[in-house]
Amino acid sequence: MSMVHLNRHVFNSLDEMSLGTTCFEPLIQAFKEVRMRGGDERTFYTGLSEGQQQLFIFRVYYDHVHHSPEELFWWSAYFLAQPLRWLALKSSFRVHGDDEAAGLLEEIESFLTASGYSQSLEIFDVSRSDMAENLELLNSFNDYYDRLQKHTEVIHQRLAQYIRSHPDEFVNLE
C-alpha cells in the first residue's frame, strides 16, 4: 500500500486540499510506475484500501477536469467509456459528495449517452474540439463545469475529513 510519511504536526496542519494532494501523490506515482512497466492497473487499484480508491479515482478525474469545460467533456467521455472507472467515480462522488454531486455525474452520463459519446475505448473518437462544433454540447458542459466547481470543494473537504479519521489508510505518522 502506497503511503506518505508525515510527522503528526504537519499532518494536523495541512489544509483540506493540501492533505488530499499529499496523500494522493504516492498513489499516482505508484500507478504511473505500474503503467510504465505494463503492469495490471486493475490489480493496482484493487490493492488500495477503500479510502485510497475513493481518493485516487476522484483525484485522477478532478486533476484533469478542473481546467476547463473542454477537459470536463473529454475526460468524462473517457471515463464513461470505461464502465468500471465510471462506476468507481460515481461511488466516490456519492460517498464524499452529496446528492447533487452524484446527480451531476448522472446528468453528464445521460447527456453523453444520449449524444452518442458513451462508447467503449475500442471505438473512442472524442475530441475536445467537438464542443466548438456543437452549441448544445458547449452550453451543457459550461453549465456542468460551473456546477462541478462547487461540488468538488465539498468532496475535497469530505475526503480530508475521511483521511483525518482514517490516517492509517494514507499516512505513516512519525
C-alpha atoms as a PDB file:
ATOM      1  CA  MET A   1       0.000   0.000   0.000  1.00  0.00           C
ATOM      2  CA  SER A   2       1.420   3.384  -1.021  1.00  0.00           C
ATOM      3  CA  MET A   3       1.515   5.782   1.875  1.00  0.00           C
ATOM      4  CA  VAL A   4       3.144   9.091   2.647  1.00  0.00           C
ATOM      5  CA  HIS A   5       5.398   9.640   5.669  1.00  0.00           C
ATOM      6  CA  LEU A   6       4.474  12.714   7.722  1.00  0.00           C
ATOM      7  CA  ASN A   7       5.036  13.899  11.217  1.00  0.00           C
ATOM      8  CA  ARG A   8       1.861  14.409  13.216  1.00  0.00           C
ATOM      9  CA  HIS A   9       2.225  18.208  13.366  1.00  0.00           C
ATOM     10  CA  VAL A  10       2.440  18.526   9.572  1.00  0.00           C
ATOM     11  CA  PHE A  11      -0.474  16.110   9.140  1.00  0.00           C
ATOM     12  CA  ASN A  12      -2.628  18.154  11.512  1.00  0.00           C
ATOM     13  CA  SER A  13      -1.657  21.500   9.981  1.00  0.00           C
ATOM     14  CA  LEU A  14      -2.366  20.740   6.302  1.00  0.00           C
ATOM     15  CA  ASP A  15      -5.494  22.299   4.807  1.00  0.00           C
ATOM     16  CA  GLU A  16      -8.002  20.012   3.083  1.00  0.00           C
ATOM     17  CA  MET A  17      -6.656  20.394  -0.447  1.00  0.00           C
ATOM     18  CA  SER A  18      -3.031  20.019   0.643  1.00  0.00           C
ATOM     19  CA  LEU A  19      -3.832  16.937   2.706  1.00  0.00           C
ATOM     20  CA  GLY A  20      -5.601  15.302  -0.230  1.00  0.00           C
ATOM     21  CA  THR A  21      -2.760  16.179  -2.574  1.00  0.00           C
ATOM     22  CA  THR A  22      -0.127  14.919  -0.142  1.00  0.00           C
ATOM     23  CA  CYS A  23      -1.918  11.584   0.238  1.00  0.00           C
ATOM     24  CA  PHE A  24      -2.636  11.308  -3.495  1.00  0.00           C
ATOM     25  CA  GLU A  25       0.977  11.810  -4.620  1.00  0.00           C
ATOM     26  CA  PRO A  26       2.332   8.381  -3.607  1.00  0.00           C
ATOM     27  CA  LEU A  27      -0.733   6.741  -5.152  1.00  0.00           C
ATOM     28  CA  ILE A  28      -0.368   8.420  -8.531  1.00  0.00           C
ATOM     29  CA  GLN A  29       3.380   7.788  -8.559  1.00  0.00           C
ATOM     30  CA  ALA A  30       2.817   4.091  -7.859  1.00  0.00           C
ATOM     31  CA  PHE A  31       0.153   3.994 -10.578  1.00  0.00           C
ATOM     32  CA  LYS A  32       2.490   5.609 -13.104  1.00  0.00           C
ATOM     33  CA  GLU A  33       5.162   3.042 -12.270  1.00  0.00           C
ATOM     34  CA  VAL A  34       2.682   0.209 -12.843  1.00  0.00           C
ATOM     35  CA  ARG A  35       1.626   1.764 -16.136  1.00  0.00           C
ATOM     36  CA  MET A  36       5.225   2.297 -17.303  1.00  0.00           C
ATOM     37  CA  ARG A  37       6.079  -1.334 -16.544  1.00  0.00           C
ATOM     38  CA  GLY A  38       2.990  -2.507 -18.416  1.00  0.00           C
ATOM     39  CA  GLY A  39       1.558  -3.867 -15.186  1.00  0.00           C
ATOM     40  CA  ASP A  40      -2.049  -4.581 -14.358  1.00  0.00           C
ATOM     41  CA  GLU A  41      -3.786  -1.323 -13.465  1.00  0.00           C
ATOM     42  CA  ARG A  42      -6.811  -3.142 -12.058  1.00  0.00           C
ATOM     43  CA  THR A  43      -4.613  -5.105  -9.644  1.00  0.00           C
ATOM     44  CA  PHE A  44      -3.007  -1.843  -8.553  1.00  0.00           C
ATOM     45  CA  TYR A  45      -6.409  -0.286  -7.895  1.00  0.00           C
ATOM     46  CA  THR A  46      -7.849  -3.272  -6.044  1.00  0.00           C
ATOM     47  CA  GLY A  47      -4.711  -3.355  -3.892  1.00  0.00           C
ATOM     48  CA  LEU A  48      -5.576   0.056  -2.479  1.00  0.00           C
ATOM     49  CA  SER A  49      -7.679   0.450   0.632  1.00  0.00           C
ATOM     50  CA  GLU A  50     -11.257   1.585   0.084  1.00  0.00           C
ATOM     51  CA  GLY A  51     -10.387   5.114   1.165  1.00  0.00           C
ATOM     52  CA  GLN A  52      -7.364   5.202  -1.122  1.00  0.00           C
ATOM     53  CA  GLN A  53      -9.525   4.006  -4.010  1.00  0.00           C
ATOM     54  CA  GLN A  54     -12.009   6.821  -3.375  1.00  0.00           C
ATOM     55  CA  LEU A  55      -9.240   9.428  -3.202  1.00  0.00           C
ATOM     56  CA  PHE A  56      -7.415   8.019  -6.214  1.00  0.00           C
ATOM     57  CA  ILE A  57     -10.348   7.881  -8.633  1.00  0.00           C
ATOM     58  CA  PHE A  58     -11.648  11.286  -7.593  1.00  0.00           C
ATOM     59  CA  ARG A  59      -8.269  12.988  -7.875  1.00  0.00           C
ATOM     60  CA  VAL A  60      -7.396  11.390 -11.218  1.00  0.00           C
ATOM     61  CA  TYR A  61     -10.674  12.727 -12.594  1.00  0.00           C
ATOM     62  CA  TYR A  62     -10.567  16.081 -10.810  1.00  0.00           C
ATOM     63  CA  ASP A  63      -6.948  16.839 -11.675  1.00  0.00           C
ATOM     64  CA  HIS A  64      -7.872  16.587 -15.355  1.00  0.00           C
ATOM     65  CA  VAL A  65     -11.347  18.123 -15.470  1.00  0.00           C
ATOM     66  CA  HIS A  66     -10.908  21.177 -13.266  1.00  0.00           C
ATOM     67  CA  HIS A  67      -9.024  23.056 -16.001  1.00  0.00           C
ATOM     68  CA  SER A  68     -11.892  23.788 -18.388  1.00  0.00           C
ATOM     69  CA  PRO A  69     -15.285  22.694 -19.708  1.00  0.00           C
ATOM     70  CA  GLU A  70     -13.489  21.071 -22.661  1.00  0.00           C
ATOM     71  CA  GLU A  71     -11.412  18.935 -20.309  1.00  0.00           C
ATOM     72  CA  LEU A  72     -14.525  18.051 -18.319  1.00  0.00           C
ATOM     73  CA  PHE A  73     -16.186  16.913 -21.541  1.00  0.00           C
ATOM     74  CA  TRP A  74     -13.270  14.847 -22.838  1.00  0.00           C
ATOM     75  CA  TRP A  75     -12.343  13.193 -19.537  1.00  0.00           C
ATOM     76  CA  SER A  76     -15.963  12.462 -18.667  1.00  0.00           C
ATOM     77  CA  ALA A  77     -16.418  10.730 -22.022  1.00  0.00           C
ATOM     78  CA  TYR A  78     -13.130   8.875 -21.478  1.00  0.00           C
ATOM     79  CA  PHE A  79     -14.148   7.653 -18.014  1.00  0.00           C
ATOM     80  CA  LEU A  80     -17.637   6.760 -19.256  1.00  0.00           C
ATOM     81  CA  ALA A  81     -16.071   4.621 -21.991  1.00  0.00           C
ATOM     82  CA  GLN A  82     -14.554   2.559 -19.153  1.00  0.00           C
ATOM     83  CA  PRO A  83     -17.538   1.355 -17.119  1.00  0.00           C
ATOM     84  CA  LEU A  84     -15.572   0.227 -14.063  1.00  0.00           C
ATOM     85  CA  ARG A  85     -13.809   3.589 -13.781  1.00  0.00           C
ATOM     86  CA  TRP A  86     -17.048   5.470 -14.250  1.00  0.00           C
ATOM     87  CA  LEU A  87     -18.770   3.395 -11.558  1.00  0.00           C
ATOM     88  CA  ALA A  88     -15.860   3.960  -9.165  1.00  0.00           C
ATOM     89  CA  LEU A  89     -16.003   7.694  -9.841  1.00  0.00           C
ATOM     90  CA  LYS A  90     -19.741   7.815  -9.210  1.00  0.00           C
ATOM     91  CA  SER A  91     -19.186   5.909  -5.975  1.00  0.00           C
ATOM     92  CA  SER A  92     -16.581   8.432  -4.848  1.00  0.00           C
ATOM     93  CA  PHE A  93     -18.942  11.308  -5.617  1.00  0.00           C
ATOM     94  CA  ARG A  94     -21.760   9.587  -3.706  1.00  0.00           C
ATOM     95  CA  VAL A  95     -19.642   8.715  -0.677  1.00  0.00           C
ATOM     96  CA  HIS A  96     -17.762  12.000  -0.337  1.00  0.00           C
ATOM     97  CA  GLY A  97     -20.013  14.443  -2.118  1.00  0.00           C
ATOM     98  CA  ASP A  98     -23.693  14.962  -1.766  1.00  0.00           C
ATOM     99  CA  ASP A  99     -26.793  14.041  -3.719  1.00  0.00           C
ATOM    100  CA  GLU A 100     -26.282  16.995  -6.053  1.00  0.00           C
ATOM    101  CA  ALA A 101     -22.682  15.990  -6.790  1.00  0.00           C
ATOM    102  CA  ALA A 102     -23.705  12.435  -7.611  1.00  0.00           C
ATOM    103  CA  GLY A 103     -26.634  13.781  -9.612  1.00  0.00           C
ATOM    104  CA  LEU A 104     -24.292  15.940 -11.663  1.00  0.00           C
ATOM    105  CA  LEU A 105     -22.352  12.871 -12.798  1.00  0.00           C
ATOM    106  CA  GLU A 106     -25.658  11.181 -13.637  1.00  0.00           C
ATOM    107  CA  GLU A 107     -26.608  14.210 -15.755  1.00  0.00           C
ATOM    108  CA  ILE A 108     -23.258  14.137 -17.534  1.00  0.00           C
ATOM    109  CA  GLU A 109     -23.654  10.415 -18.163  1.00  0.00           C
ATOM    110  CA  SER A 110     -27.186  10.835 -19.520  1.00  0.00           C
ATOM    111  CA  PHE A 111     -26.163  13.694 -21.777  1.00  0.00           C
ATOM    112  CA  LEU A 112     -23.121  11.884 -23.150  1.00  0.00           C
ATOM    113  CA  THR A 113     -25.078   8.684 -23.680  1.00  0.00           C
ATOM    114  CA  ALA A 114     -27.939  10.482 -25.452  1.00  0.00           C
ATOM    115  CA  SER A 115     -25.384  12.320 -27.608  1.00  0.00           C
ATOM    116  CA  GLY A 116     -23.635   9.108 -28.639  1.00  0.00           C
ATOM    117  CA  TYR A 117     -20.499   9.626 -26.573  1.00  0.00           C
ATOM    118  CA  SER A 118     -20.819   6.580 -24.315  1.00  0.00           C
ATOM    119  CA  GLN A 119     -18.517   4.465 -26.411  1.00  0.00           C
ATOM    120  CA  SER A 120     -16.020   1.863 -25.418  1.00  0.00           C
ATOM    121  CA  LEU A 121     -12.335   2.653 -25.615  1.00  0.00           C
ATOM    122  CA  GLU A 122     -12.056   0.457 -28.704  1.00  0.00           C
ATOM    123  CA  ILE A 123     -14.158   2.941 -30.681  1.00  0.00           C
ATOM    124  CA  PHE A 124     -13.423   6.069 -28.645  1.00  0.00           C
ATOM    125  CA  ASP A 125     -13.420   9.015 -31.015  1.00  0.00           C
ATOM    126  CA  VAL A 126     -13.987  12.077 -28.871  1.00  0.00           C
ATOM    127  CA  SER A 127     -12.239  15.367 -29.442  1.00  0.00           C
ATOM    128  CA  ARG A 128     -12.158  18.463 -27.296  1.00  0.00           C
ATOM    129  CA  SER A 129     -12.914  20.413 -30.470  1.00  0.00           C
ATOM    130  CA  ASP A 130     -16.337  18.713 -30.638  1.00  0.00           C
ATOM    131  CA  MET A 131     -17.541  21.418 -28.267  1.00  0.00           C
ATOM    132  CA  ALA A 132     -16.725  24.185 -30.742  1.00  0.00           C
ATOM    133  CA  GLU A 133     -18.881  22.465 -33.348  1.00  0.00           C
ATOM    134  CA  ASN A 134     -21.891  21.729 -31.136  1.00  0.00           C
ATOM    135  CA  LEU A 135     -23.637  24.563 -29.290  1.00  0.00           C
ATOM    136  CA  GLU A 136     -25.696  22.220 -27.096  1.00  0.00           C
ATOM    137  CA  LEU A 137     -22.547  20.376 -26.056  1.00  0.00           C
ATOM    138  CA  LEU A 138     -20.778  23.663 -25.348  1.00  0.00           C
ATOM    139  CA  ASN A 139     -23.622  25.109 -23.283  1.00  0.00           C
ATOM    140  CA  SER A 140     -24.188  21.892 -21.357  1.00  0.00           C
ATOM    141  CA  PHE A 141     -20.556  21.432 -20.406  1.00  0.00           C
ATOM    142  CA  ASN A 142     -20.126  25.085 -19.499  1.00  0.00           C
ATOM    143  CA  ASP A 143     -23.019  24.586 -17.064  1.00  0.00           C
ATOM    144  CA  TYR A 144     -21.674  21.251 -15.780  1.00  0.00           C
ATOM    145  CA  TYR A 145     -18.257  22.803 -15.280  1.00  0.00           C
ATOM    146  CA  ASP A 146     -19.626  25.695 -13.217  1.00  0.00           C
ATOM    147  CA  ARG A 147     -21.638  23.326 -11.058  1.00  0.00           C
ATOM    148  CA  LEU A 148     -18.736  20.913 -10.667  1.00  0.00           C
ATOM    149  CA  GLN A 149     -16.566  23.636  -9.126  1.00  0.00           C
ATOM    150  CA  LYS A 150     -18.995  23.996  -6.227  1.00  0.00           C
ATOM    151  CA  HIS A 151     -19.325  20.268  -5.637  1.00  0.00           C
ATOM    152  CA  THR A 152     -15.648  19.389  -5.804  1.00  0.00           C
ATOM    153  CA  GLU A 153     -14.873  21.771  -2.954  1.00  0.00           C
ATOM    154  CA  VAL A 154     -17.222  19.760  -0.737  1.00  0.00           C
ATOM    155  CA  ILE A 155     -15.674  16.494  -1.911  1.00  0.00           C
ATOM    156  CA  HIS A 156     -12.170  17.768  -1.111  1.00  0.00           C
ATOM    157  CA  GLN A 157     -13.343  18.696   2.386  1.00  0.00           C
ATOM    158  CA  ARG A 158     -15.019  15.351   2.997  1.00  0.00           C
ATOM    159  CA  LEU A 159     -12.073  13.381   1.660  1.00  0.00           C
ATOM    160  CA  ALA A 160      -9.805  15.320   4.028  1.00  0.00           C
ATOM    161  CA  GLN A 161     -12.164  14.544   6.913  1.00  0.00           C
ATOM    162  CA  TYR A 162     -12.033  10.881   5.957  1.00  0.00           C
ATOM    163  CA  ILE A 163      -8.227  10.948   5.786  1.00  0.00           C
ATOM    164  CA  ARG A 164      -8.007  12.603   9.202  1.00  0.00           C
ATOM    165  CA  SER A 165     -10.395   9.990  10.639  1.00  0.00           C
ATOM    166  CA  HIS A 166      -8.548   7.075   8.993  1.00  0.00           C
ATOM    167  CA  PRO A 167      -4.904   8.156   8.813  1.00  0.00           C
ATOM    168  CA  ASP A 168      -3.693   4.551   8.874  1.00  0.00           C
ATOM    169  CA  GLU A 169      -5.040   4.134   5.313  1.00  0.00           C
ATOM    170  CA  PHE A 170      -2.978   7.026   3.959  1.00  0.00           C
ATOM    171  CA  VAL A 171      -0.163   8.125   6.223  1.00  0.00           C
ATOM    172  CA  ASN A 172       2.703   6.694   8.217  1.00  0.00           C
ATOM    173  CA  LEU A 173       2.753   9.189  11.073  1.00  0.00           C
ATOM    174  CA  GLU A 174       6.115   9.871  12.642  1.00  0.00           C
END
